[in-house]
């Protein structure tokens, strides 16, 4: 069942309950930051291991090829040596035959030496790759254990907060949902605009200045303005991340919607008054409608078992108009450099 509560009622409830608005602790925020840093380290190690595996596959055929050449030359050299012995014991000795045979033996010996050195170099490089691979694998295992421990702490602390949030909801007999029967994200955004969320947020002293951060550790795989599968322009940024990655709030604001919406899977909408940030493609959501979140707060997790790497999509809108989030992300990056 979907609920539609006017912004004035939300404000009234916030006002009546005083400072009972749900907010996360610095401890959880710190765990999330650490988790995303560990995710970044794991991704770098995975890339390094992929590169080593690729170089190993290229090195092994080369070593085998050099070894085969070396074996053939050993056989030929042995044959020439036998021919030379025959010349020595033959009573029909010919000086020119000895000279030619000696030149051929020397040439083969020089090439044999070159091939041997090449084989040694290739083998040494392979041993070095295997040692590097072993070190990286140990680092990956160690970081994975640390990452799992941090995620466990996030889950434990979040569970405690969830219990406290549920008590507040029961006590106030309030469901903080602003939902709609809309059939598109545009209609949903229009309903939120009509509910005067801006006024509620201003009264609740949430800044309308917007600063954005990455919601997950990952790489950008889709840009605002790119063409989708149906050749239409996309209005979001897509961030590819790891399985089970921690999702954090990209901005400070009020969660005005949290739940499943059409084919967008789980969606979280965060508003700071003038802007609304739509996050979707999240497997497990933690933030609930009515939560006030800070940048970096834990809001959910990505799919842990999908075939491909999961992608979270972030869409930014103001007064119904889609905007390119990169502009605000770049501002955040520049601020961090100062």
Protein backbone atom coordinates (compact mmCIF):
# COMPACT_ATOMS: atom_id res chain seq x y z
CA UNK A 1 0.00 0.00 0.00
CA UNK A 2 1.26 3.47 -0.87
CA UNK A 3 0.76 6.51 1.34
CA UNK A 4 0.49 10.16 0.46
CA UNK A 5 0.99 12.60 3.34
CA UNK A 6 1.03 16.34 2.81
CA UNK A 7 4.19 18.30 3.56
CA UNK A 8 2.35 20.37 6.13
CA UNK A 9 1.57 17.21 8.12
CA UNK A 10 5.21 16.08 7.90
CA UNK A 11 6.32 19.47 9.20
CA UNK A 12 3.74 19.34 12.00
CA UNK A 13 5.01 15.95 13.09
CA UNK A 14 8.62 17.10 12.98
CA UNK A 15 7.71 20.16 14.99
CA UNK A 16 5.70 18.23 17.58
CA UNK A 17 8.34 15.58 18.17
CA UNK A 18 11.06 18.16 18.65
CA UNK A 19 14.54 16.74 18.19
CA UNK A 20 13.43 13.17 17.60
CA UNK A 21 14.25 13.26 13.88
CA UNK A 22 16.23 10.19 12.96
CA UNK A 23 19.92 10.83 12.40
CA UNK A 24 22.96 8.60 12.22
CA UNK A 25 25.99 8.68 14.47
CA UNK A 26 29.48 9.75 13.50
CA UNK A 27 30.53 6.19 14.27
CA UNK A 28 28.42 4.69 11.46
CA UNK A 29 29.52 7.47 9.11
CA UNK A 30 33.13 6.62 9.95
CA UNK A 31 32.53 2.91 9.33
CA UNK A 32 30.97 3.70 5.94
CA UNK A 33 33.91 5.87 4.97
CA UNK A 34 36.32 3.11 5.97
CA UNK A 35 34.26 0.47 4.12
CA UNK A 36 34.30 2.47 0.89
CA UNK A 37 38.06 3.02 1.21
CA UNK A 38 38.54 -0.73 1.67
CA UNK A 39 36.28 -1.35 -1.36
CA UNK A 40 38.54 0.95 -3.36
CA UNK A 41 41.64 -0.97 -2.23
CA UNK A 42 40.01 -4.29 -3.11
CA UNK A 43 39.11 -2.98 -6.57
CA UNK A 44 42.70 -1.86 -7.18
CA UNK A 45 44.04 -5.27 -6.12
CA UNK A 46 41.52 -7.02 -8.37
CA UNK A 47 42.68 -4.94 -11.34
CA UNK A 48 46.33 -5.65 -10.49
CA UNK A 49 45.61 -9.40 -10.27
CA UNK A 50 43.78 -9.31 -13.60
CA UNK A 51 46.80 -7.61 -15.16
CA UNK A 52 49.18 -10.21 -13.70
CA UNK A 53 46.99 -13.08 -14.94
CA UNK A 54 47.01 -11.52 -18.40
CA UNK A 55 50.81 -11.15 -18.37
CA UNK A 56 51.17 -14.73 -17.09
CA UNK A 57 49.10 -16.03 -19.99
CA UNK A 58 51.32 -14.10 -22.39
CA UNK A 59 54.57 -15.23 -20.71
CA UNK A 60 53.88 -18.96 -20.57
CA UNK A 61 53.47 -19.48 -24.38
CA UNK A 62 56.60 -17.37 -24.92
CA UNK A 63 58.61 -19.51 -22.51
CA UNK A 64 57.30 -22.72 -24.08
CA UNK A 65 58.16 -21.40 -27.54
CA UNK A 66 61.71 -20.44 -26.51
CA UNK A 67 62.18 -23.79 -24.80
CA UNK A 68 61.10 -25.66 -27.97
CA UNK A 69 63.52 -23.59 -30.08
CA UNK A 70 66.28 -24.30 -27.60
CA UNK A 71 65.56 -28.05 -27.71
CA UNK A 72 65.64 -28.10 -31.52
CA UNK A 73 68.95 -26.24 -31.59
CA UNK A 74 70.39 -28.65 -29.07
CA UNK A 75 69.48 -31.53 -31.41
CA UNK A 76 70.98 -29.78 -34.47
CA UNK A 77 74.12 -28.85 -32.55
CA UNK A 78 74.56 -32.46 -31.46
CA UNK A 79 74.26 -33.58 -35.09
CA UNK A 80 76.88 -31.06 -36.22
CA UNK A 81 79.17 -32.18 -33.40
CA UNK A 82 78.87 -35.80 -34.58
CA UNK A 83 79.66 -34.72 -38.15
CA UNK A 84 82.74 -32.91 -36.85
CA UNK A 85 83.89 -36.06 -35.05
CA UNK A 86 83.47 -38.01 -38.29
CA UNK A 87 85.68 -35.51 -40.10
CA UNK A 88 88.35 -35.84 -37.43
CA UNK A 89 88.57 -39.62 -37.67
CA UNK A 90 88.16 -39.72 -41.46
CA UNK A 91 91.30 -40.34 -43.52
CA UNK A 92 89.84 -37.99 -46.14
CA UNK A 93 90.33 -34.93 -44.06
CA UNK A 94 89.62 -31.61 -45.75
CA UNK A 95 90.73 -28.36 -44.13
CA UNK A 96 87.88 -26.31 -45.64
CA UNK A 97 85.33 -28.79 -44.23
CA UNK A 98 86.81 -28.31 -40.76
CA UNK A 99 86.64 -24.51 -41.10
CA UNK A 100 83.02 -24.54 -42.28
CA UNK A 101 82.06 -26.98 -39.57
CA UNK A 102 83.77 -24.86 -36.91
CA UNK A 103 82.01 -21.68 -38.10
CA UNK A 104 78.61 -23.41 -38.02
CA UNK A 105 79.25 -24.81 -34.54
CA UNK A 106 80.29 -21.36 -33.25
CA UNK A 107 77.18 -19.71 -34.79
CA UNK A 108 74.94 -22.32 -33.24
CA UNK A 109 76.69 -21.98 -29.90
CA UNK A 110 76.24 -18.18 -29.91
CA UNK A 111 72.57 -18.48 -30.79
CA UNK A 112 72.19 -21.20 -28.19
CA UNK A 113 73.60 -18.82 -25.60
CA UNK A 114 71.23 -16.00 -26.70
CA UNK A 115 68.21 -18.29 -26.54
CA UNK A 116 69.29 -19.59 -23.13
CA UNK A 117 69.56 -16.05 -21.77
CA UNK A 118 66.12 -15.23 -23.18
CA UNK A 119 64.65 -18.31 -21.55
CA UNK A 120 66.24 -17.34 -18.24
CA UNK A 121 64.86 -13.80 -18.49
CA UNK A 122 61.34 -15.02 -19.34
CA UNK A 123 61.45 -17.54 -16.49
CA UNK A 124 62.70 -14.90 -14.05
CA UNK A 125 59.88 -12.55 -15.10
CA UNK A 126 57.32 -15.32 -14.57
CA UNK A 127 58.69 -16.08 -11.09
CA UNK A 128 58.51 -12.36 -10.28
CA UNK A 129 54.88 -12.22 -11.47
CA UNK A 130 53.98 -15.24 -9.37
CA UNK A 131 55.59 -13.69 -6.27
CA UNK A 132 53.73 -10.42 -6.88
CA UNK A 133 50.50 -12.36 -7.37
CA UNK A 134 51.04 -14.22 -4.10
CA UNK A 135 51.62 -10.94 -2.22
CA UNK A 136 48.54 -9.31 -3.75
CA UNK A 137 46.39 -12.37 -2.97
CA UNK A 138 47.46 -12.22 0.69
CA UNK A 139 46.70 -8.49 0.81
CA UNK A 140 43.29 -9.12 -0.78
CA UNK A 141 42.45 -11.78 1.80
CA UNK A 142 43.55 -9.55 4.68
CA UNK A 143 41.59 -6.51 3.41
CA UNK A 144 38.53 -8.69 2.70
CA UNK A 145 38.49 -9.87 6.32
CA UNK A 146 38.80 -6.27 7.51
CA UNK A 147 36.07 -5.16 5.09
CA UNK A 148 33.67 -7.88 6.27
CA UNK A 149 34.33 -6.85 9.86
CA UNK A 150 33.54 -3.19 9.09
CA UNK A 151 30.35 -4.15 7.21
CA UNK A 152 29.31 -6.28 10.18
CA UNK A 153 29.77 -3.28 12.47
CA UNK A 154 27.69 -1.12 10.10
CA UNK A 155 24.92 -3.73 10.17
CA UNK A 156 25.02 -4.01 13.96
CA UNK A 157 24.93 -0.26 14.58
CA UNK A 158 22.28 0.24 11.90
CA UNK A 159 20.14 -2.44 13.50
CA UNK A 160 20.26 -0.57 16.80
CA UNK A 161 19.21 2.62 15.06
CA UNK A 162 16.43 0.79 13.23
CA UNK A 163 15.01 -0.43 16.53
CA UNK A 164 15.04 3.11 17.87
CA UNK A 165 13.39 4.40 14.69
CA UNK A 166 10.65 1.78 14.86
CA UNK A 167 9.88 2.83 18.44
CA UNK A 168 9.48 6.44 17.32
CA UNK A 169 7.18 5.44 14.48
CA UNK A 170 4.97 3.39 16.84
CA UNK A 171 4.99 6.13 19.47
CA UNK A 172 3.94 8.84 17.01
CA UNK A 173 1.70 6.52 14.99
CA UNK A 174 3.18 8.07 11.84
CA UNK A 175 4.32 6.61 8.56
CA UNK A 176 6.74 9.05 6.92
CA UNK A 177 5.97 8.26 3.32
CA UNK A 178 5.35 10.58 0.44
CA UNK A 179 4.38 8.18 -2.31
CA UNK A 180 2.22 8.30 -5.39
CA UNK A 181 0.43 6.34 -8.03
CA UNK A 182 2.66 7.94 -10.62
CA UNK A 183 3.74 5.88 -13.59
CA UNK A 184 7.05 7.63 -14.18
CA UNK A 185 9.83 9.32 -12.30
CA UNK A 186 8.72 12.65 -13.81
CA UNK A 187 5.22 12.26 -12.36
CA UNK A 188 6.64 11.24 -8.99
CA UNK A 189 8.86 14.32 -8.97
CA UNK A 190 5.88 16.52 -9.88
CA UNK A 191 3.89 15.11 -6.95
CA UNK A 192 6.75 15.84 -4.58
CA UNK A 193 6.96 19.37 -5.94
CA UNK A 194 3.21 19.81 -5.47
CA UNK A 195 3.48 18.67 -1.85
CA UNK A 196 5.60 21.75 -1.09
CA UNK A 197 8.55 19.78 0.27
CA UNK A 198 10.66 22.91 -0.16
CA UNK A 199 8.69 24.74 2.52
CA UNK A 200 8.92 21.83 4.93
CA UNK A 201 12.67 21.61 4.56
CA UNK A 202 13.22 25.31 4.98
CA UNK A 203 11.19 25.29 8.18
CA UNK A 204 13.24 22.30 9.32
CA UNK A 205 16.45 24.30 8.78
CA UNK A 206 17.95 22.09 6.09
CA UNK A 207 20.28 24.09 3.85
CA UNK A 208 19.27 24.49 0.21
CA UNK A 209 22.91 24.77 -0.87
CA UNK A 210 23.80 21.58 -2.71
CA UNK A 211 27.02 19.62 -2.40
CA UNK A 212 27.22 16.14 -3.91
CA UNK A 213 29.51 13.18 -3.28
CA UNK A 214 29.76 9.76 -4.90
CA UNK A 215 27.11 7.44 -3.38
CA UNK A 216 29.38 4.40 -3.82
CA UNK A 217 32.98 3.60 -4.44
CA UNK A 218 33.20 2.88 -8.14
CA UNK A 219 33.60 4.21 -11.64
CA UNK A 220 31.22 6.23 -13.78
CA UNK A 221 29.77 4.07 -16.56
CA UNK A 222 26.90 6.33 -17.67
CA UNK A 223 26.81 10.11 -18.04
CA UNK A 224 23.97 12.60 -18.03
CA UNK A 225 23.19 13.25 -21.70
CA UNK A 226 24.33 9.86 -23.00
CA UNK A 227 22.02 7.87 -25.25
CA UNK A 228 20.17 4.89 -23.78
CA UNK A 229 19.30 1.59 -25.46
CA UNK A 230 16.26 3.20 -27.09
CA UNK A 231 18.44 6.15 -28.25
CA UNK A 232 16.73 8.53 -25.82
CA UNK A 233 18.80 10.85 -23.62
CA UNK A 234 19.45 9.55 -20.11
CA UNK A 235 19.04 11.91 -17.16
CA UNK A 236 21.23 10.12 -14.62
CA UNK A 237 24.80 9.18 -13.80
CA UNK A 238 25.57 5.48 -13.39
CA UNK A 239 28.21 4.28 -10.90
CA UNK A 240 29.46 0.72 -11.30
CA UNK A 241 30.60 -0.72 -7.99
CA UNK A 242 31.43 -3.98 -6.22
CA UNK A 243 28.98 -6.67 -5.16
CA UNK A 244 27.53 -5.85 -1.76
CA UNK A 245 29.03 -2.34 -1.83
CA UNK A 246 28.00 0.13 0.87
CA UNK A 247 25.77 2.96 -0.43
CA UNK A 248 25.99 6.30 1.37
CA UNK A 249 24.03 9.51 1.09
CA UNK A 250 25.53 11.79 -1.58
CA UNK A 251 24.11 14.89 0.11
CA UNK A 252 22.53 16.31 3.25
CA UNK A 253 18.75 16.39 3.21
CA UNK A 254 15.44 14.77 4.05
CA UNK A 255 14.50 11.34 2.70
CA UNK A 256 11.15 12.08 1.05
CA UNK A 257 10.74 8.63 -0.49
CA UNK A 258 12.22 5.22 0.27
CA UNK A 259 10.93 2.05 -1.28
CA UNK A 260 10.29 0.10 -4.46
CA UNK A 261 9.15 2.18 -7.42
CA UNK A 262 8.14 0.54 -10.69
CA UNK A 263 11.12 -1.01 -12.54
CA UNK A 264 13.65 1.24 -10.80
CA UNK A 265 13.99 -1.35 -8.02
CA UNK A 266 14.53 0.18 -4.60
CA UNK A 267 14.64 3.97 -4.79
CA UNK A 268 15.66 6.60 -2.28
CA UNK A 269 14.85 10.27 -2.87
CA UNK A 270 16.72 12.86 -0.83
CA UNK A 271 15.65 16.50 -0.93
CA UNK A 272 17.47 19.52 0.40
CA UNK A 273 14.59 21.84 -0.43
CA UNK A 274 15.40 23.09 -3.91
CA UNK A 275 17.00 19.94 -5.28
CA UNK A 276 15.95 16.30 -5.19
CA UNK A 277 18.43 13.46 -5.62
CA UNK A 278 17.01 10.17 -6.93
CA UNK A 279 19.06 7.04 -6.21
CA UNK A 280 17.90 3.73 -7.64
CA UNK A 281 19.17 0.23 -8.39
CA UNK A 282 19.91 -0.35 -4.69
CA UNK A 283 19.32 -3.90 -3.51
CA UNK A 284 18.86 -3.34 0.22
CA UNK A 285 17.74 0.03 1.60
CA UNK A 286 18.25 1.26 5.14
CA UNK A 287 17.19 4.91 5.02
CA UNK A 288 13.45 5.40 5.58
CA UNK A 289 11.13 8.19 4.55
CA UNK A 290 11.35 10.94 7.11
CA UNK A 291 15.04 10.37 7.93
CA UNK A 292 17.31 13.38 7.90
CA UNK A 293 20.61 12.27 6.42
CA UNK A 294 24.04 13.82 6.31
CA UNK A 295 26.49 13.35 3.47
CA UNK A 296 28.15 9.95 3.96
CA UNK A 297 25.33 8.40 6.01
CA UNK A 298 24.63 4.72 5.42
CA UNK A 299 21.52 4.34 3.25
CA UNK A 300 21.80 0.84 1.77
CA UNK A 301 23.78 -1.91 0.06
CA UNK A 302 24.17 -3.13 -3.50
CA UNK A 303 23.35 -6.60 -4.82
CA UNK A 304 25.76 -9.27 -3.60
CA UNK A 305 24.88 -12.04 -6.08
CA UNK A 306 24.21 -10.38 -9.44
CA UNK A 307 25.96 -11.80 -12.50
CA UNK A 308 27.41 -8.43 -13.50
CA UNK A 309 28.81 -5.72 -11.28
CA UNK A 310 25.90 -3.71 -9.79
CA UNK A 311 25.21 -0.14 -10.90
CA UNK A 312 23.58 2.57 -8.78
CA UNK A 313 22.02 5.43 -10.74
CA UNK A 314 21.84 8.98 -9.43
CA UNK A 315 19.47 11.54 -10.89
CA UNK A 316 19.26 15.21 -9.89
CA UNK A 317 16.19 17.39 -10.39
CA UNK A 318 15.13 20.94 -9.55
CA UNK A 319 11.59 22.21 -10.12
CA UNK A 320 10.94 19.18 -12.29
CA UNK A 321 13.95 19.76 -14.54
CA UNK A 322 16.69 17.10 -14.75
CA UNK A 323 20.20 18.45 -14.13
CA UNK A 324 23.69 17.06 -14.72
CA UNK A 325 25.02 15.91 -11.29
CA UNK A 326 28.63 16.11 -12.50
CA UNK A 327 28.68 19.89 -12.02
CA UNK A 328 28.02 19.53 -8.27
CA UNK A 329 30.34 16.51 -7.99
CA UNK A 330 33.17 18.50 -9.56
CA UNK A 331 32.53 21.34 -7.12
CA UNK A 332 32.89 18.86 -4.25
CA UNK A 333 36.14 17.50 -5.69
CA UNK A 334 37.54 21.01 -6.09
CA UNK A 335 36.61 21.88 -2.50
CA UNK A 336 38.45 18.77 -1.31
CA UNK A 337 41.63 19.88 -3.08
CA UNK A 338 41.76 23.22 -1.28
